Amino acid sequence: MVKRLVREEEGQTLVEYGLLVALISLVTIAILTLLGTKIRNLFVTVNRSITSTT
């Protein structure tokens, strides 16, 4: 039974994929949190510039 558990790697692979997805999600959320305000401010500036010229 122990030999079978050592040889089977399907569960281990699934856990690794889960950890990769979690890490990618955290990095994406962190980037969007940091850049979200800057991007929003850029759109607000462009919107004000367009509305003030028309």
PDB file of N, CA and C in Angstrom:
ATOM      1  N   MET A   1       0.833  -1.198   0.000  1.00  0.00           N
ATOM      2  CA  MET A   1       0.000   0.000   0.000  1.00  0.00           C
ATOM      3  C   MET A   1       0.879   1.264   0.000  1.00  0.00           C
ATOM      4  N   VAL A   2       1.945   1.253   0.789  1.00  0.00           N
ATOM      5  CA  VAL A   2       2.834   2.412   0.858  1.00  0.00           C
ATOM      6  C   VAL A   2       3.533   2.621  -0.476  1.00  0.00           C
ATOM      7  N   LYS A   3       3.946   1.532  -1.119  1.00  0.00           N
ATOM      8  CA  LYS A   3       4.602   1.643  -2.425  1.00  0.00           C
ATOM      9  C   LYS A   3       3.664   2.267  -3.444  1.00  0.00           C
ATOM     10  N   ARG A   4       2.392   1.888  -3.380  1.00  0.00           N
ATOM     11  CA  ARG A   4       1.414   2.440  -4.320  1.00  0.00           C
ATOM     12  C   ARG A   4       1.238   3.948  -4.093  1.00  0.00           C
ATOM     13  N   LEU A   5       1.201   4.364  -2.837  1.00  0.00           N
ATOM     14  CA  LEU A   5       1.049   5.786  -2.532  1.00  0.00           C
ATOM     15  C   LEU A   5       2.259   6.594  -2.983  1.00  0.00           C
ATOM     16  N   VAL A   6       3.440   5.993  -2.876  1.00  0.00           N
ATOM     17  CA  VAL A   6       4.660   6.691  -3.292  1.00  0.00           C
ATOM     18  C   VAL A   6       4.695   6.825  -4.811  1.00  0.00           C
ATOM     19  N   ARG A   7       4.242   5.791  -5.529  1.00  0.00           N
ATOM     20  CA  ARG A   7       4.295   5.814  -6.992  1.00  0.00           C
ATOM     21  C   ARG A   7       3.222   6.702  -7.613  1.00  0.00           C
ATOM     22  N   GLU A   8       2.069   6.806  -6.985  1.00  0.00           N
ATOM     23  CA  GLU A   8       0.980   7.604  -7.561  1.00  0.00           C
ATOM     24  C   GLU A   8       1.257   9.088  -7.333  1.00  0.00           C
ATOM     25  N   GLU A   9       1.264   9.842  -8.409  1.00  0.00           N
ATOM     26  CA  GLU A   9       1.562  11.268  -8.326  1.00  0.00           C
ATOM     27  C   GLU A   9       0.404  12.127  -8.808  1.00  0.00           C
ATOM     28  N   GLU A  10      -0.750  11.517  -9.059  1.00  0.00           N
ATOM     29  CA  GLU A  10      -1.880  12.288  -9.576  1.00  0.00           C
ATOM     30  C   GLU A  10      -2.342  13.338  -8.581  1.00  0.00           C
ATOM     31  N   GLY A  11      -2.440  12.975  -7.307  1.00  0.00           N
ATOM     32  CA  GLY A  11      -2.858  13.929  -6.288  1.00  0.00           C
ATOM     33  C   GLY A  11      -1.847  15.047  -6.115  1.00  0.00           C
ATOM     34  N   GLN A  12      -0.587  14.687  -6.195  1.00  0.00           N
ATOM     35  CA  GLN A  12       0.474  15.677  -6.054  1.00  0.00           C
ATOM     36  C   GLN A  12       0.410  16.685  -7.199  1.00  0.00           C
ATOM     37  N   THR A  13       0.178  16.227  -8.402  1.00  0.00           N
ATOM     38  CA  THR A  13       0.090  17.118  -9.557  1.00  0.00           C
ATOM     39  C   THR A  13      -1.097  18.055  -9.414  1.00  0.00           C
ATOM     40  N   LEU A  14      -2.212  17.531  -8.957  1.00  0.00           N
ATOM     41  CA  LEU A  14      -3.400  18.353  -8.768  1.00  0.00           C
ATOM     42  C   LEU A  14      -3.150  19.454  -7.748  1.00  0.00           C
ATOM     43  N   VAL A  15      -2.464  19.119  -6.677  1.00  0.00           N
ATOM     44  CA  VAL A  15      -2.132  20.119  -5.658  1.00  0.00           C
ATOM     45  C   VAL A  15      -1.195  21.172  -6.232  1.00  0.00           C
ATOM     46  N   GLU A  16      -0.236  20.758  -7.034  1.00  0.00           N
ATOM     47  CA  GLU A  16       0.687  21.722  -7.643  1.00  0.00           C
ATOM     48  C   GLU A  16      -0.047  22.675  -8.572  1.00  0.00           C
ATOM     49  N   TYR A  17      -0.956  22.140  -9.378  1.00  0.00           N
ATOM     50  CA  TYR A  17      -1.748  23.012 -10.255  1.00  0.00           C
ATOM     51  C   TYR A  17      -2.606  23.966  -9.433  1.00  0.00           C
ATOM     52  N   GLY A  18      -3.166  23.488  -8.358  1.00  0.00           N
ATOM     53  CA  GLY A  18      -3.965  24.349  -7.487  1.00  0.00           C
ATOM     54  C   GLY A  18      -3.138  25.474  -6.899  1.00  0.00           C
ATOM     55  N   LEU A  19      -1.926  25.150  -6.471  1.00  0.00           N
ATOM     56  CA  LEU A  19      -1.042  26.178  -5.923  1.00  0.00           C
ATOM     57  C   LEU A  19      -0.638  27.195  -6.992  1.00  0.00           C
ATOM     58  N   LEU A  20      -0.394  26.731  -8.214  1.00  0.00           N
ATOM     59  CA  LEU A  20      -0.056  27.653  -9.302  1.00  0.00           C
ATOM     60  C   LEU A  20      -1.218  28.592  -9.607  1.00  0.00           C
ATOM     61  N   VAL A  21      -2.423  28.061  -9.652  1.00  0.00           N
ATOM     62  CA  VAL A  21      -3.601  28.893  -9.918  1.00  0.00           C
ATOM     63  C   VAL A  21      -3.782  29.917  -8.804  1.00  0.00           C
ATOM     64  N   ALA A  22      -3.590  29.502  -7.565  1.00  0.00           N
ATOM     65  CA  ALA A  22      -3.717  30.429  -6.438  1.00  0.00           C
ATOM     66  C   ALA A  22      -2.657  31.526  -6.514  1.00  0.00           C
ATOM     67  N   LEU A  23      -1.431  31.169  -6.847  1.00  0.00           N
ATOM     68  CA  LEU A  23      -0.358  32.158  -6.942  1.00  0.00           C
ATOM     69  C   LEU A  23      -0.617  33.146  -8.077  1.00  0.00           C
ATOM     70  N   ILE A  24      -1.039  32.648  -9.226  1.00  0.00           N
ATOM     71  CA  ILE A  24      -1.345  33.529 -10.358  1.00  0.00           C
ATOM     72  C   ILE A  24      -2.493  34.456 -10.007  1.00  0.00           C
ATOM     73  N   SER A  25      -3.496  33.942  -9.317  1.00  0.00           N
ATOM     74  CA  SER A  25      -4.634  34.768  -8.910  1.00  0.00           C
ATOM     75  C   SER A  25      -4.198  35.876  -7.958  1.00  0.00           C
ATOM     76  N   LEU A  26      -3.358  35.530  -6.993  1.00  0.00           N
ATOM     77  CA  LEU A  26      -2.894  36.543  -6.039  1.00  0.00           C
ATOM     78  C   LEU A  26      -2.067  37.628  -6.721  1.00  0.00           C
ATOM     79  N   VAL A  27      -1.208  37.230  -7.637  1.00  0.00           N
ATOM     80  CA  VAL A  27      -0.387  38.208  -8.351  1.00  0.00           C
ATOM     81  C   VAL A  27      -1.275  39.117  -9.205  1.00  0.00           C
ATOM     82  N   THR A  28      -2.263  38.540  -9.872  1.00  0.00           N
ATOM     83  CA  THR A  28      -3.175  39.330 -10.701  1.00  0.00           C
ATOM     84  C   THR A  28      -3.961  40.319  -9.853  1.00  0.00           C
ATOM     85  N   ILE A  29      -4.468  39.872  -8.725  1.00  0.00           N
ATOM     86  CA  ILE A  29      -5.220  40.764  -7.835  1.00  0.00           C
ATOM     87  C   ILE A  29      -4.318  41.877  -7.318  1.00  0.00           C
ATOM     88  N   ALA A  30      -3.088  41.558  -6.961  1.00  0.00           N
ATOM     89  CA  ALA A  30      -2.162  42.578  -6.461  1.00  0.00           C
ATOM     90  C   ALA A  30      -1.854  43.611  -7.530  1.00  0.00           C
ATOM     91  N   ILE A  31      -1.627  43.169  -8.760  1.00  0.00           N
ATOM     92  CA  ILE A  31      -1.337  44.100  -9.851  1.00  0.00           C
ATOM     93  C   ILE A  31      -2.543  44.994 -10.135  1.00  0.00           C
ATOM     94  N   LEU A  32      -3.725  44.389 -10.187  1.00  0.00           N
ATOM     95  CA  LEU A  32      -4.920  45.192 -10.445  1.00  0.00           C
ATOM     96  C   LEU A  32      -5.197  46.177  -9.310  1.00  0.00           C
ATOM     97  N   THR A  33      -4.899  45.779  -8.096  1.00  0.00           N
ATOM     98  CA  THR A  33      -5.088  46.686  -6.961  1.00  0.00           C
ATOM     99  C   THR A  33      -4.135  47.867  -7.043  1.00  0.00           C
ATOM    100  N   LEU A  34      -2.887  47.590  -7.387  1.00  0.00           N
ATOM    101  CA  LEU A  34      -1.896  48.661  -7.454  1.00  0.00           C
ATOM    102  C   LEU A  34      -2.120  49.576  -8.657  1.00  0.00           C
ATOM    103  N   LEU A  35      -2.430  48.998  -9.797  1.00  0.00           N
ATOM    104  CA  LEU A  35      -2.570  49.796 -11.010  1.00  0.00           C
ATOM    105  C   LEU A  35      -3.999  50.286 -11.246  1.00  0.00           C
ATOM    106  N   GLY A  36      -4.953  49.718 -10.539  1.00  0.00           N
ATOM    107  CA  GLY A  36      -6.353  50.070 -10.761  1.00  0.00           C
ATOM    108  C   GLY A  36      -6.628  51.542 -10.559  1.00  0.00           C
ATOM    109  N   THR A  37      -6.107  52.117  -9.509  1.00  0.00           N
ATOM    110  CA  THR A  37      -6.322  53.534  -9.221  1.00  0.00           C
ATOM    111  C   THR A  37      -5.677  54.410 -10.288  1.00  0.00           C
ATOM    112  N   LYS A  38      -4.488  54.056 -10.724  1.00  0.00           N
ATOM    113  CA  LYS A  38      -3.794  54.843 -11.750  1.00  0.00           C
ATOM    114  C   LYS A  38      -4.554  54.789 -13.075  1.00  0.00           C
ATOM    115  N   ILE A  39      -5.025  53.608 -13.421  1.00  0.00           N
ATOM    116  CA  ILE A  39      -5.780  53.466 -14.672  1.00  0.00           C
ATOM    117  C   ILE A  39      -7.092  54.239 -14.586  1.00  0.00           C
ATOM    118  N   ARG A  40      -7.763  54.162 -13.448  1.00  0.00           N
ATOM    119  CA  ARG A  40      -9.014  54.911 -13.258  1.00  0.00           C
ATOM    120  C   ARG A  40      -8.766  56.412 -13.395  1.00  0.00           C
ATOM    121  N   ASN A  41      -7.718  56.896 -12.765  1.00  0.00           N
ATOM    122  CA  ASN A  41      -7.396  58.325 -12.858  1.00  0.00           C
ATOM    123  C   ASN A  41      -7.089  58.737 -14.291  1.00  0.00           C
ATOM    124  N   LEU A  42      -6.430  57.881 -15.041  1.00  0.00           N
ATOM    125  CA  LEU A  42      -6.145  58.170 -16.435  1.00  0.00           C
ATOM    126  C   LEU A  42      -7.435  58.303 -17.238  1.00  0.00           C
ATOM    127  N   PHE A  43      -8.372  57.376 -17.047  1.00  0.00           N
ATOM    128  CA  PHE A  43      -9.647  57.449 -17.754  1.00  0.00           C
ATOM    129  C   PHE A  43     -10.442  58.685 -17.352  1.00  0.00           C
ATOM    130  N   VAL A  44     -10.408  59.034 -16.081  1.00  0.00           N
ATOM    131  CA  VAL A  44     -11.118  60.240 -15.622  1.00  0.00           C
ATOM    132  C   VAL A  44     -10.518  61.472 -16.268  1.00  0.00           C
ATOM    133  N   THR A  45      -9.204  61.538 -16.349  1.00  0.00           N
ATOM    134  CA  THR A  45      -8.538  62.682 -16.979  1.00  0.00           C
ATOM    135  C   THR A  45      -8.894  62.781 -18.454  1.00  0.00           C
ATOM    136  N   VAL A  46      -8.869  61.665 -19.140  1.00  0.00           N
ATOM    137  CA  VAL A  46      -9.221  61.667 -20.560  1.00  0.00           C
ATOM    138  C   VAL A  46     -10.676  62.058 -20.752  1.00  0.00           C
ATOM    139  N   ASN A  47     -11.553  61.555 -19.898  1.00  0.00           N
ATOM    140  CA  ASN A  47     -12.972  61.881 -19.993  1.00  0.00           C
ATOM    141  C   ASN A  47     -13.202  63.373 -19.757  1.00  0.00           C
ATOM    142  N   ARG A  48     -12.542  63.940 -18.776  1.00  0.00           N
ATOM    143  CA  ARG A  48     -12.689  65.375 -18.502  1.00  0.00           C
ATOM    144  C   ARG A  48     -12.141  66.199 -19.670  1.00  0.00           C
ATOM    145  N   SER A  49     -11.044  65.741 -20.263  1.00  0.00           N
ATOM    146  CA  SER A  49     -10.468  66.453 -21.390  1.00  0.00           C
ATOM    147  C   SER A  49     -11.415  66.432 -22.596  1.00  0.00           C
ATOM    148  N   ILE A  50     -12.040  65.304 -22.828  1.00  0.00           N
ATOM    149  CA  ILE A  50     -12.968  65.195 -23.955  1.00  0.00           C
ATOM    150  C   ILE A  50     -14.219  66.033 -23.712  1.00  0.00           C
ATOM    151  N   THR A  51     -14.763  65.976 -22.511  1.00  0.00           N
ATOM    152  CA  THR A  51     -15.992  66.723 -22.231  1.00  0.00           C
ATOM    153  C   THR A  51     -15.739  68.218 -22.170  1.00  0.00           C
ATOM    154  N   SER A  52     -14.553  68.654 -21.810  1.00  0.00           N
ATOM    155  CA  SER A  52     -14.292  70.101 -21.730  1.00  0.00           C
ATOM    156  C   SER A  52     -14.063  70.705 -23.115  1.00  0.00           C
ATOM    157  N   THR A  53     -13.647  69.894 -24.085  1.00  0.00           N
ATOM    158  CA  THR A  53     -13.415  70.419 -25.432  1.00  0.00           C
ATOM    159  C   THR A  53     -14.674  70.436 -26.276  1.00  0.00           C
ATOM    160  N   THR A  54     -15.686  69.683 -25.888  1.00  0.00           N
ATOM    161  CA  THR A  54     -16.922  69.646 -26.700  1.00  0.00           C
ATOM    162  C   THR A  54     -17.960  70.577 -26.181  1.00  0.00           C
TER     163      THR A  54
END
